[in-house]
Amino acid sequence: MYGNASVLIMGEAKRRKNLGISPREKTQDIKLPQLDKKAIQQKVRTTLYKYPIIPFLFYAAAILILIGGLFYVFKSFNIA
């Protein structure tokens, strides 16, 4: 019984060696791209200076989403 267990618990490297398959190629580490924080800040600032209404639109959308969420909670739980 224990003789078969060693075959079942064999690692991938030993299995590949026994089958005559070449070792698995090592994968390259994927590195995250480096972001230029100053350039991104400059683009955001120029966009906000060009379109000063954008912050107000974001605040209005956030308030509408919060009110809609409260309405959904009150309606679904029959609180009011």
PDB file of N, CA and C in Angstrom:
ATOM      1  N   MET A   1       0.820  -1.193   0.000  1.00  0.00           N
ATOM      2  CA  MET A   1       0.000   0.000   0.000  1.00  0.00           C
ATOM      3  C   MET A   1       0.866   1.259   0.000  1.00  0.00           C
ATOM      4  N   TYR A   2       1.899   1.276   0.809  1.00  0.00           N
ATOM      5  CA  TYR A   2       2.732   2.467   0.892  1.00  0.00           C
ATOM      6  C   TYR A   2       3.662   2.603  -0.300  1.00  0.00           C
ATOM      7  N   GLY A   3       3.907   1.530  -1.023  1.00  0.00           N
ATOM      8  CA  GLY A   3       4.733   1.612  -2.222  1.00  0.00           C
ATOM      9  C   GLY A   3       4.067   2.441  -3.307  1.00  0.00           C
ATOM     10  N   ASN A   4       2.757   2.340  -3.419  1.00  0.00           N
ATOM     11  CA  ASN A   4       2.024   3.120  -4.412  1.00  0.00           C
ATOM     12  C   ASN A   4       1.884   4.576  -4.000  1.00  0.00           C
ATOM     13  N   ALA A   5       1.933   4.841  -2.695  1.00  0.00           N
ATOM     14  CA  ALA A   5       1.786   6.216  -2.225  1.00  0.00           C
ATOM     15  C   ALA A   5       2.953   7.069  -2.683  1.00  0.00           C
ATOM     16  N   SER A   6       4.154   6.483  -2.766  1.00  0.00           N
ATOM     17  CA  SER A   6       5.301   7.268  -3.218  1.00  0.00           C
ATOM     18  C   SER A   6       5.154   7.651  -4.687  1.00  0.00           C
ATOM     19  N   VAL A   7       4.486   6.826  -5.454  1.00  0.00           N
ATOM     20  CA  VAL A   7       4.248   7.152  -6.861  1.00  0.00           C
ATOM     21  C   VAL A   7       3.216   8.264  -6.972  1.00  0.00           C
ATOM     22  N   LEU A   8       2.208   8.239  -6.109  1.00  0.00           N
ATOM     23  CA  LEU A   8       1.153   9.247  -6.163  1.00  0.00           C
ATOM     24  C   LEU A   8       1.627  10.600  -5.660  1.00  0.00           C
ATOM     25  N   ILE A   9       2.575  10.606  -4.724  1.00  0.00           N
ATOM     26  CA  ILE A   9       3.024  11.860  -4.124  1.00  0.00           C
ATOM     27  C   ILE A   9       4.334  12.311  -4.770  1.00  0.00           C
ATOM     28  N   MET A  10       4.599  11.910  -5.967  1.00  0.00           N
ATOM     29  CA  MET A  10       5.826  12.285  -6.646  1.00  0.00           C
ATOM     30  C   MET A  10       5.718  13.738  -7.109  1.00  0.00           C
ATOM     31  N   GLY A  11       6.807  14.482  -6.970  1.00  0.00           N
ATOM     32  CA  GLY A  11       6.821  15.863  -7.416  1.00  0.00           C
ATOM     33  C   GLY A  11       6.895  15.964  -8.925  1.00  0.00           C
ATOM     34  N   GLU A  12       6.638  17.152  -9.428  1.00  0.00           N
ATOM     35  CA  GLU A  12       6.610  17.338 -10.876  1.00  0.00           C
ATOM     36  C   GLU A  12       7.988  17.132 -11.495  1.00  0.00           C
ATOM     37  N   ALA A  13       9.041  17.577 -10.800  1.00  0.00           N
ATOM     38  CA  ALA A  13      10.389  17.434 -11.352  1.00  0.00           C
ATOM     39  C   ALA A  13      10.761  15.962 -11.501  1.00  0.00           C
ATOM     40  N   LYS A  14      10.463  15.154 -10.490  1.00  0.00           N
ATOM     41  CA  LYS A  14      10.762  13.719 -10.569  1.00  0.00           C
ATOM     42  C   LYS A  14       9.913  13.051 -11.647  1.00  0.00           C
ATOM     43  N   ARG A  15       8.661  13.434 -11.753  1.00  0.00           N
ATOM     44  CA  ARG A  15       7.774  12.850 -12.756  1.00  0.00           C
ATOM     45  C   ARG A  15       8.284  13.162 -14.160  1.00  0.00           C
ATOM     46  N   ARG A  16       8.710  14.392 -14.383  1.00  0.00           N
ATOM     47  CA  ARG A  16       9.221  14.770 -15.702  1.00  0.00           C
ATOM     48  C   ARG A  16      10.512  14.013 -16.009  1.00  0.00           C
ATOM     49  N   LYS A  17      11.341  13.816 -14.976  1.00  0.00           N
ATOM     50  CA  LYS A  17      12.594  13.089 -15.165  1.00  0.00           C
ATOM     51  C   LYS A  17      12.313  11.631 -15.507  1.00  0.00           C
ATOM     52  N   ASN A  18      11.360  11.021 -14.803  1.00  0.00           N
ATOM     53  CA  ASN A  18      11.020   9.623 -15.073  1.00  0.00           C
ATOM     54  C   ASN A  18      10.399   9.447 -16.453  1.00  0.00           C
ATOM     55  N   LEU A  19       9.649  10.428 -16.911  1.00  0.00           N
ATOM     56  CA  LEU A  19       9.019  10.343 -18.227  1.00  0.00           C
ATOM     57  C   LEU A  19       9.969  10.726 -19.356  1.00  0.00           C
ATOM     58  N   GLY A  20      11.140  11.257 -19.002  1.00  0.00           N
ATOM     59  CA  GLY A  20      12.112  11.646 -20.013  1.00  0.00           C
ATOM     60  C   GLY A  20      11.812  12.986 -20.648  1.00  0.00           C
ATOM     61  N   ILE A  21      11.032  13.808 -19.967  1.00  0.00           N
ATOM     62  CA  ILE A  21      10.683  15.133 -20.479  1.00  0.00           C
ATOM     63  C   ILE A  21      11.693  16.132 -19.932  1.00  0.00           C
ATOM     64  N   SER A  22      12.029  17.125 -20.732  1.00  0.00           N
ATOM     65  CA  SER A  22      12.974  18.138 -20.274  1.00  0.00           C
ATOM     66  C   SER A  22      12.362  18.947 -19.141  1.00  0.00           C
ATOM     67  N   PRO A  23      13.215  19.512 -18.287  1.00  0.00           N
ATOM     68  CA  PRO A  23      12.687  20.319 -17.177  1.00  0.00           C
ATOM     69  C   PRO A  23      11.861  21.492 -17.686  1.00  0.00           C
ATOM     70  N   ARG A  24      10.936  21.901 -16.855  1.00  0.00           N
ATOM     71  CA  ARG A  24      10.052  23.003 -17.225  1.00  0.00           C
ATOM     72  C   ARG A  24      10.841  24.304 -17.247  1.00  0.00           C
ATOM     73  N   GLU A  25      10.535  25.135 -18.219  1.00  0.00           N
ATOM     74  CA  GLU A  25      11.220  26.427 -18.310  1.00  0.00           C
ATOM     75  C   GLU A  25      10.729  27.343 -17.207  1.00  0.00           C
ATOM     76  N   LYS A  26      11.647  28.094 -16.646  1.00  0.00           N
ATOM     77  CA  LYS A  26      11.276  29.031 -15.588  1.00  0.00           C
ATOM     78  C   LYS A  26      10.626  30.259 -16.220  1.00  0.00           C
ATOM     79  N   THR A  27       9.553  30.687 -15.606  1.00  0.00           N
ATOM     80  CA  THR A  27       8.858  31.862 -16.121  1.00  0.00           C
ATOM     81  C   THR A  27       9.583  33.122 -15.675  1.00  0.00           C
ATOM     82  N   GLN A  28       9.508  34.136 -16.504  1.00  0.00           N
ATOM     83  CA  GLN A  28      10.124  35.405 -16.150  1.00  0.00           C
ATOM     84  C   GLN A  28       9.190  36.172 -15.238  1.00  0.00           C
ATOM     85  N   ASP A  29       9.777  36.875 -14.288  1.00  0.00           N
ATOM     86  CA  ASP A  29       8.972  37.688 -13.389  1.00  0.00           C
ATOM     87  C   ASP A  29       8.399  38.873 -14.158  1.00  0.00           C
ATOM     88  N   ILE A  30       7.111  39.080 -13.987  1.00  0.00           N
ATOM     89  CA  ILE A  30       6.448  40.200 -14.641  1.00  0.00           C
ATOM     90  C   ILE A  30       6.583  41.412 -13.730  1.00  0.00           C
ATOM     91  N   LYS A  31       7.170  42.450 -14.250  1.00  0.00           N
ATOM     92  CA  LYS A  31       7.365  43.661 -13.459  1.00  0.00           C
ATOM     93  C   LYS A  31       6.295  44.678 -13.828  1.00  0.00           C
ATOM     94  N   LEU A  32       5.830  45.395 -12.834  1.00  0.00           N
ATOM     95  CA  LEU A  32       4.848  46.439 -13.080  1.00  0.00           C
ATOM     96  C   LEU A  32       5.517  47.617 -13.767  1.00  0.00           C
ATOM     97  N   PRO A  33       4.820  48.273 -14.659  1.00  0.00           N
ATOM     98  CA  PRO A  33       5.420  49.441 -15.309  1.00  0.00           C
ATOM     99  C   PRO A  33       5.582  50.581 -14.310  1.00  0.00           C
ATOM    100  N   GLN A  34       6.644  51.317 -14.468  1.00  0.00           N
ATOM    101  CA  GLN A  34       6.896  52.460 -13.598  1.00  0.00           C
ATOM    102  C   GLN A  34       6.069  53.645 -14.091  1.00  0.00           C
ATOM    103  N   LEU A  35       5.321  54.232 -13.186  1.00  0.00           N
ATOM    104  CA  LEU A  35       4.479  55.368 -13.538  1.00  0.00           C
ATOM    105  C   LEU A  35       5.179  56.662 -13.147  1.00  0.00           C
ATOM    106  N   ASP A  36       5.093  57.639 -14.018  1.00  0.00           N
ATOM    107  CA  ASP A  36       5.663  58.949 -13.735  1.00  0.00           C
ATOM    108  C   ASP A  36       4.605  59.769 -13.002  1.00  0.00           C
ATOM    109  N   LYS A  37       4.760  59.856 -11.686  1.00  0.00           N
ATOM    110  CA  LYS A  37       3.745  60.492 -10.851  1.00  0.00           C
ATOM    111  C   LYS A  37       3.598  61.979 -11.174  1.00  0.00           C
ATOM    112  N   LYS A  38       4.701  62.640 -11.414  1.00  0.00           N
ATOM    113  CA  LYS A  38       4.656  64.080 -11.711  1.00  0.00           C
ATOM    114  C   LYS A  38       3.906  64.349 -13.020  1.00  0.00           C
ATOM    115  N   ALA A  39       4.141  63.523 -14.032  1.00  0.00           N
ATOM    116  CA  ALA A  39       3.467  63.727 -15.321  1.00  0.00           C
ATOM    117  C   ALA A  39       1.968  63.487 -15.189  1.00  0.00           C
ATOM    118  N   ILE A  40       1.587  62.469 -14.410  1.00  0.00           N
ATOM    119  CA  ILE A  40       0.164  62.184 -14.213  1.00  0.00           C
ATOM    120  C   ILE A  40      -0.503  63.326 -13.462  1.00  0.00           C
ATOM    121  N   GLN A  41       0.168  63.836 -12.422  1.00  0.00           N
ATOM    122  CA  GLN A  41      -0.388  64.965 -11.670  1.00  0.00           C
ATOM    123  C   GLN A  41      -0.549  66.182 -12.569  1.00  0.00           C
ATOM    124  N   GLN A  42       0.420  66.418 -13.431  1.00  0.00           N
ATOM    125  CA  GLN A  42       0.347  67.566 -14.332  1.00  0.00           C
ATOM    126  C   GLN A  42      -0.813  67.419 -15.314  1.00  0.00           C
ATOM    127  N   LYS A  43      -1.029  66.197 -15.840  1.00  0.00           N
ATOM    128  CA  LYS A  43      -2.145  65.973 -16.764  1.00  0.00           C
ATOM    129  C   LYS A  43      -3.484  66.186 -16.068  1.00  0.00           C
ATOM    130  N   VAL A  44      -3.593  65.698 -14.829  1.00  0.00           N
ATOM    131  CA  VAL A  44      -4.846  65.866 -14.086  1.00  0.00           C
ATOM    132  C   VAL A  44      -5.098  67.341 -13.815  1.00  0.00           C
ATOM    133  N   ARG A  45      -4.068  68.052 -13.405  1.00  0.00           N
ATOM    134  CA  ARG A  45      -4.235  69.486 -13.118  1.00  0.00           C
ATOM    135  C   ARG A  45      -4.627  70.270 -14.366  1.00  0.00           C
ATOM    136  N   THR A  46      -3.986  69.970 -15.483  1.00  0.00           N
ATOM    137  CA  THR A  46      -4.340  70.711 -16.702  1.00  0.00           C
ATOM    138  C   THR A  46      -5.767  70.392 -17.138  1.00  0.00           C
ATOM    139  N   THR A  47      -6.187  69.137 -16.955  1.00  0.00           N
ATOM    140  CA  THR A  47      -7.564  68.775 -17.305  1.00  0.00           C
ATOM    141  C   THR A  47      -8.550  69.493 -16.400  1.00  0.00           C
ATOM    142  N   LEU A  48      -8.240  69.555 -15.101  1.00  0.00           N
ATOM    143  CA  LEU A  48      -9.148  70.234 -14.174  1.00  0.00           C
ATOM    144  C   LEU A  48      -9.182  71.740 -14.413  1.00  0.00           C
ATOM    145  N   TYR A  49      -8.049  72.327 -14.809  1.00  0.00           N
ATOM    146  CA  TYR A  49      -8.056  73.753 -15.121  1.00  0.00           C
ATOM    147  C   TYR A  49      -8.826  74.018 -16.414  1.00  0.00           C
ATOM    148  N   LYS A  50      -8.747  73.066 -17.343  1.00  0.00           N
ATOM    149  CA  LYS A  50      -9.444  73.230 -18.617  1.00  0.00           C
ATOM    150  C   LYS A  50     -10.949  73.050 -18.447  1.00  0.00           C
ATOM    151  N   TYR A  51     -11.360  72.087 -17.613  1.00  0.00           N
ATOM    152  CA  TYR A  51     -12.773  71.797 -17.367  1.00  0.00           C
ATOM    153  C   TYR A  51     -13.053  71.880 -15.863  1.00  0.00           C
ATOM    154  N   PRO A  52     -13.290  73.074 -15.321  1.00  0.00           N
ATOM    155  CA  PRO A  52     -13.467  73.209 -13.872  1.00  0.00           C
ATOM    156  C   PRO A  52     -14.781  72.622 -13.348  1.00  0.00           C
ATOM    157  N   ILE A  53     -15.676  72.199 -14.208  1.00  0.00           N
ATOM    158  CA  ILE A  53     -16.954  71.637 -13.761  1.00  0.00           C
ATOM    159  C   ILE A  53     -16.816  70.167 -13.347  1.00  0.00           C
ATOM    160  N   ILE A  54     -15.728  69.509 -13.723  1.00  0.00           N
ATOM    161  CA  ILE A  54     -15.561  68.075 -13.453  1.00  0.00           C
ATOM    162  C   ILE A  54     -15.703  67.734 -11.968  1.00  0.00           C
ATOM    163  N   PRO A  55     -15.063  68.452 -11.032  1.00  0.00           N
ATOM    164  CA  PRO A  55     -15.244  68.091  -9.615  1.00  0.00           C
ATOM    165  C   PRO A  55     -16.701  68.184  -9.163  1.00  0.00           C
ATOM    166  N   PHE A  56     -17.423  69.182  -9.648  1.00  0.00           N
ATOM    167  CA  PHE A  56     -18.831  69.316  -9.268  1.00  0.00           C
ATOM    168  C   PHE A  56     -19.657  68.148  -9.801  1.00  0.00           C
ATOM    169  N   LEU A  57     -19.337  67.692 -11.008  1.00  0.00           N
ATOM    170  CA  LEU A  57     -20.044  66.539 -11.561  1.00  0.00           C
ATOM    171  C   LEU A  57     -19.773  65.275 -10.746  1.00  0.00           C
ATOM    172  N   PHE A  58     -18.514  65.093 -10.321  1.00  0.00           N
ATOM    173  CA  PHE A  58     -18.188  63.930  -9.494  1.00  0.00           C
ATOM    174  C   PHE A  58     -18.919  63.982  -8.160  1.00  0.00           C
ATOM    175  N   TYR A  59     -18.934  65.151  -7.515  1.00  0.00           N
ATOM    176  CA  TYR A  59     -19.645  65.282  -6.237  1.00  0.00           C
ATOM    177  C   TYR A  59     -21.142  65.044  -6.415  1.00  0.00           C
ATOM    178  N   ALA A  60     -21.719  65.585  -7.481  1.00  0.00           N
ATOM    179  CA  ALA A  60     -23.148  65.386  -7.723  1.00  0.00           C
ATOM    180  C   ALA A  60     -23.456  63.909  -7.969  1.00  0.00           C
ATOM    181  N   ALA A  61     -22.607  63.236  -8.723  1.00  0.00           N
ATOM    182  CA  ALA A  61     -22.818  61.807  -8.981  1.00  0.00           C
ATOM    183  C   ALA A  61     -22.707  61.006  -7.687  1.00  0.00           C
ATOM    184  N   ALA A  62     -21.740  61.355  -6.834  1.00  0.00           N
ATOM    185  CA  ALA A  62     -21.576  60.634  -5.565  1.00  0.00           C
ATOM    186  C   ALA A  62     -22.785  60.840  -4.662  1.00  0.00           C
ATOM    187  N   ILE A  63     -23.294  62.062  -4.606  1.00  0.00           N
ATOM    188  CA  ILE A  63     -24.467  62.338  -3.765  1.00  0.00           C
ATOM    189  C   ILE A  63     -25.687  61.601  -4.300  1.00  0.00           C
ATOM    190  N   LEU A  64     -25.868  61.585  -5.617  1.00  0.00           N
ATOM    191  CA  LEU A  64     -26.995  60.853  -6.199  1.00  0.00           C
ATOM    192  C   LEU A  64     -26.895  59.351  -5.928  1.00  0.00           C
ATOM    193  N   ILE A  65     -25.695  58.809  -6.001  1.00  0.00           N
ATOM    194  CA  ILE A  65     -25.513  57.382  -5.715  1.00  0.00           C
ATOM    195  C   ILE A  65     -25.829  57.086  -4.257  1.00  0.00           C
ATOM    196  N   LEU A  66     -25.399  57.958  -3.338  1.00  0.00           N
ATOM    197  CA  LEU A  66     -25.701  57.754  -1.919  1.00  0.00           C
ATOM    198  C   LEU A  66     -27.198  57.842  -1.652  1.00  0.00           C
ATOM    199  N   ILE A  67     -27.861  58.826  -2.249  1.00  0.00           N
ATOM    200  CA  ILE A  67     -29.309  58.955  -2.060  1.00  0.00           C
ATOM    201  C   ILE A  67     -30.026  57.741  -2.649  1.00  0.00           C
ATOM    202  N   GLY A  68     -29.602  57.294  -3.820  1.00  0.00           N
ATOM    203  CA  GLY A  68     -30.194  56.107  -4.427  1.00  0.00           C
ATOM    204  C   GLY A  68     -29.979  54.865  -3.572  1.00  0.00           C
ATOM    205  N   GLY A  69     -28.811  54.737  -2.971  1.00  0.00           N
ATOM    206  CA  GLY A  69     -28.546  53.605  -2.087  1.00  0.00           C
ATOM    207  C   GLY A  69     -29.409  53.635  -0.851  1.00  0.00           C
ATOM    208  N   LEU A  70     -29.573  54.826  -0.267  1.00  0.00           N
ATOM    209  CA  LEU A  70     -30.447  54.945   0.908  1.00  0.00           C
ATOM    210  C   LEU A  70     -31.891  54.621   0.540  1.00  0.00           C
ATOM    211  N   PHE A  71     -32.335  55.110  -0.605  1.00  0.00           N
ATOM    212  CA  PHE A  71     -33.693  54.816  -1.060  1.00  0.00           C
ATOM    213  C   PHE A  71     -33.883  53.316  -1.250  1.00  0.00           C
ATOM    214  N   TYR A  72     -32.893  52.653  -1.840  1.00  0.00           N
ATOM    215  CA  TYR A  72     -32.969  51.207  -2.054  1.00  0.00           C
ATOM    216  C   TYR A  72     -33.044  50.461  -0.721  1.00  0.00           C
ATOM    217  N   VAL A  73     -32.232  50.874   0.258  1.00  0.00           N
ATOM    218  CA  VAL A  73     -32.239  50.205   1.567  1.00  0.00           C
ATOM    219  C   VAL A  73     -33.579  50.417   2.250  1.00  0.00           C
ATOM    220  N   PHE A  74     -34.077  51.648   2.252  1.00  0.00           N
ATOM    221  CA  PHE A  74     -35.366  51.919   2.901  1.00  0.00           C
ATOM    222  C   PHE A  74     -36.494  51.144   2.222  1.00  0.00           C
ATOM    223  N   LYS A  75     -36.448  51.082   0.892  1.00  0.00           N
ATOM    224  CA  LYS A  75     -37.509  50.396   0.164  1.00  0.00           C
ATOM    225  C   LYS A  75     -37.428  48.878   0.358  1.00  0.00           C
ATOM    226  N   SER A  76     -36.230  48.320   0.348  1.00  0.00           N
ATOM    227  CA  SER A  76     -36.102  46.863   0.431  1.00  0.00           C
ATOM    228  C   SER A  76     -36.381  46.336   1.831  1.00  0.00           C
ATOM    229  N   PHE A  77     -36.073  47.114   2.875  1.00  0.00           N
ATOM    230  CA  PHE A  77     -36.315  46.660   4.243  1.00  0.00           C
ATOM    231  C   PHE A  77     -37.599  47.227   4.841  1.00  0.00           C
ATOM    232  N   ASN A  78     -38.348  47.995   4.063  1.00  0.00           N
ATOM    233  CA  ASN A  78     -39.603  48.611   4.514  1.00  0.00           C
ATOM    234  C   ASN A  78     -39.416  49.349   5.839  1.00  0.00           C
ATOM    235  N   ILE A  79     -38.393  50.185   5.900  1.00  0.00           N
ATOM    236  CA  ILE A  79     -38.075  50.910   7.132  1.00  0.00           C
ATOM    237  C   ILE A  79     -39.060  52.046   7.355  1.00  0.00           C
ATOM    238  N   ALA A  80     -39.383  52.803   6.318  1.00  0.00           N
ATOM    239  CA  ALA A  80     -40.251  53.964   6.505  1.00  0.00           C
ATOM    240  C   ALA A  80     -41.709  53.595   6.395  1.00  0.00           C
TER     241      ALA A  80
END
